Amino acid sequence: MPSACDSAIEDIEDMVSFNDPTPQDRQSARKRIIPRSRKKNVEHEELQADSLIPGTQKIWMKTWGCSHNNSDGEYMAGQLAASGYKITDDPIEADLWLLNSCTVKNPAEDHFRNSIKKAQEQQKKVVVAGCVPQAQPRMDYLKGLSIIG
C-alpha cells in the first residue's frame, strides 16, 4: 500500500531549479528600481478639517465604586490605548473625560455628578459609563452626554 509520502510531487525544497534567481540576485534587482514621484504644483495651504482625527486626542479617566467598575475602567483604557488614544493623568490637558460611575456607594454618585459639572465648566467633552447612566439614563445631569452601556 503506498504511503502519503509516495507521490509524484517532489519536496518543495527540491523544486528549485538551477536557473532560479538566488535571494541575493532578487535583492540586487530591487536596488536597481528607482521609485518615481509625481511633482504637484500645489501651493501649501493650511489644512481645514471638519472633524477630529480619531486616536489623536488625550483622555482622562476616573472610576468610582466597586472592583467590577475598576476592571471595566482598565479594560476601556486598554482598548482606547490600543486604538491610539493617549490616556493622561492630568484632567486639564485632556480633550475628553471618561467618567465611570457606581450607584452602590452614594458618595461615589455625588463625586460623579460633580465631575460632570466640572468638565462642562471647562468645556471638556464628556463620556459617562457605569452603573449610574445604566440605571438612570434620563437624569437631568446626563442629558446631552455620550453614554456607554
Protein backbone atom coordinates (compact mmCIF):
# COMPACT_ATOMS: atom_id res chain seq x y z
CA MET A 1 0.00 0.00 0.00
CA PRO A 2 1.50 3.37 -0.96
CA SER A 3 2.10 5.87 1.81
CA ALA A 4 1.20 9.56 1.78
CA CYS A 5 4.85 10.38 1.05
CA ASP A 6 4.91 8.29 -2.14
CA SER A 7 3.61 10.90 -4.56
CA ALA A 8 4.71 12.31 -7.87
CA ILE A 9 5.20 15.76 -6.36
CA GLU A 10 8.71 16.45 -5.18
CA ASP A 11 9.56 18.10 -1.90
CA ILE A 12 9.31 21.85 -2.11
CA GLU A 13 12.99 22.14 -1.24
CA ASP A 14 13.87 20.04 -4.30
CA MET A 15 11.70 22.09 -6.68
CA VAL A 16 14.20 24.96 -7.00
CA SER A 17 15.94 24.70 -10.33
CA PHE A 18 19.45 25.75 -11.22
CA ASN A 19 18.18 28.71 -13.29
CA ASP A 20 16.09 30.26 -10.50
CA PRO A 21 17.44 33.55 -9.12
CA THR A 22 19.07 33.38 -5.72
CA PRO A 23 17.89 35.63 -2.89
CA GLN A 24 20.97 37.80 -3.47
CA ASP A 25 20.02 38.22 -7.15
CA ARG A 26 16.50 39.25 -6.19
CA GLN A 27 17.80 41.84 -3.71
CA SER A 28 20.26 43.33 -6.19
CA ALA A 29 17.46 43.68 -8.75
CA ARG A 30 15.44 45.65 -6.19
CA LYS A 31 18.29 48.10 -5.73
CA ARG A 32 18.12 48.98 -9.43
CA ILE A 33 14.47 50.02 -9.17
CA ILE A 34 14.12 53.77 -8.82
CA PRO A 35 10.76 54.90 -7.45
CA ARG A 36 9.29 57.97 -9.12
CA SER A 37 7.07 60.50 -7.50
CA ARG A 38 4.89 62.97 -9.29
CA LYS A 39 5.53 66.58 -8.52
CA LYS A 40 2.43 68.54 -7.75
CA ASN A 41 2.06 72.22 -8.45
CA VAL A 42 0.10 72.85 -5.30
CA GLU A 43 0.71 75.78 -3.03
CA HIS A 44 1.00 74.96 0.62
CA GLU A 45 -2.30 75.79 2.17
CA GLU A 46 -3.47 75.33 5.70
CA LEU A 47 -5.45 72.17 6.27
CA GLN A 48 -9.00 72.70 7.40
CA ALA A 49 -10.84 69.68 8.74
CA ASP A 50 -14.46 69.30 9.69
CA SER A 51 -13.83 66.66 12.30
CA LEU A 52 -11.16 65.33 14.60
CA ILE A 53 -8.85 62.53 13.61
CA PRO A 54 -9.59 59.52 15.83
CA GLY A 55 -6.76 58.45 18.07
CA THR A 56 -5.09 61.84 18.38
CA GLN A 57 -6.89 63.03 21.49
CA LYS A 58 -5.92 62.72 25.14
CA ILE A 59 -8.39 61.08 27.50
CA TRP A 60 -8.62 61.38 31.26
CA MET A 61 -10.44 58.55 33.03
CA LYS A 62 -11.92 58.47 36.50
CA THR A 63 -13.56 55.41 38.02
CA TRP A 64 -15.61 55.28 41.22
CA GLY A 65 -17.02 52.32 43.09
CA CYS A 66 -16.62 48.59 43.09
CA SER A 67 -13.92 46.27 41.77
CA HIS A 68 -16.11 45.47 38.75
CA ASN A 69 -16.02 49.15 37.76
CA ASN A 70 -12.24 49.22 38.23
CA SER A 71 -11.93 46.22 35.94
CA ASP A 72 -14.20 47.85 33.34
CA GLY A 73 -12.15 51.04 33.56
CA GLU A 74 -8.89 49.19 32.98
CA TYR A 75 -10.42 47.38 30.02
CA MET A 76 -11.69 50.63 28.45
CA ALA A 77 -8.29 52.29 28.97
CA GLY A 78 -6.59 49.36 27.26
CA GLN A 79 -8.98 49.48 24.30
CA LEU A 80 -8.53 53.23 23.91
CA ALA A 81 -4.73 53.00 24.16
CA ALA A 82 -4.72 50.19 21.58
CA SER A 83 -6.69 52.49 19.24
CA GLY A 84 -4.05 55.19 19.57
CA TYR A 85 -5.64 57.44 22.17
CA LYS A 86 -3.38 58.77 24.89
CA ILE A 87 -4.55 58.17 28.45
CA THR A 88 -3.45 61.05 30.66
CA ASP A 89 -3.33 61.56 34.42
CA ASP A 90 -3.92 65.29 34.02
CA PRO A 91 -7.60 66.22 33.57
CA ILE A 92 -6.70 69.74 32.45
CA GLU A 93 -4.69 68.61 29.40
CA ALA A 94 -7.30 66.02 28.40
CA ASP A 95 -9.58 66.57 25.42
CA LEU A 96 -12.20 64.19 26.79
CA TRP A 97 -13.18 62.96 30.24
CA LEU A 98 -14.38 59.36 30.55
CA LEU A 99 -16.22 59.04 33.85
CA ASN A 100 -17.06 55.53 35.08
CA SER A 101 -19.63 55.61 37.89
CA CYS A 102 -21.19 53.47 40.59
CA THR A 103 -24.62 53.65 42.29
CA VAL A 104 -23.82 51.25 45.09
CA LYS A 105 -21.92 53.87 47.06
CA ASN A 106 -23.84 57.15 47.33
CA PRO A 107 -20.78 59.40 47.80
CA ALA A 108 -19.39 57.98 44.55
CA GLU A 109 -22.51 59.13 42.70
CA ASP A 110 -22.12 62.63 44.17
CA HIS A 111 -18.47 62.78 43.03
CA PHE A 112 -19.58 61.56 39.60
CA ARG A 113 -22.20 64.31 39.27
CA ASN A 114 -19.73 66.98 40.45
CA SER A 115 -17.11 65.77 37.96
CA ILE A 116 -19.58 66.06 35.09
CA LYS A 117 -20.34 69.64 36.13
CA LYS A 118 -16.63 70.48 36.43
CA ALA A 119 -15.88 69.01 32.98
CA GLN A 120 -18.69 71.01 31.41
CA GLU A 121 -17.43 74.20 33.06
CA GLN A 122 -14.01 73.54 31.47
CA GLN A 123 -15.59 72.92 28.04
CA LYS A 124 -14.44 69.28 28.03
CA LYS A 125 -16.13 66.53 26.07
CA VAL A 126 -17.69 64.02 28.48
CA VAL A 127 -18.44 60.32 28.11
CA VAL A 128 -20.08 58.52 31.02
CA ALA A 129 -20.16 54.81 31.79
CA GLY A 130 -21.02 52.50 34.65
CA CYS A 131 -23.99 51.91 36.90
CA VAL A 132 -25.44 55.43 37.12
CA PRO A 133 -26.09 56.06 33.42
CA GLN A 134 -27.27 52.46 33.03
CA ALA A 135 -29.70 52.63 35.95
CA GLN A 136 -30.84 56.24 35.48
CA PRO A 137 -30.14 57.33 31.89
CA ARG A 138 -32.82 60.06 31.99
CA MET A 139 -31.30 62.06 34.84
CA ASP A 140 -31.10 65.78 34.03
CA TYR A 141 -27.35 65.97 34.56
CA LEU A 142 -26.80 63.19 31.95
CA LYS A 143 -28.74 64.93 29.16
CA GLY A 144 -26.61 65.63 26.11
CA LEU A 145 -23.76 63.36 27.24
CA SER A 146 -22.44 60.28 25.46
CA ILE A 147 -23.30 57.17 27.45
CA ILE A 148 -21.56 53.81 27.29
CA GLY A 149 -23.57 50.81 28.48
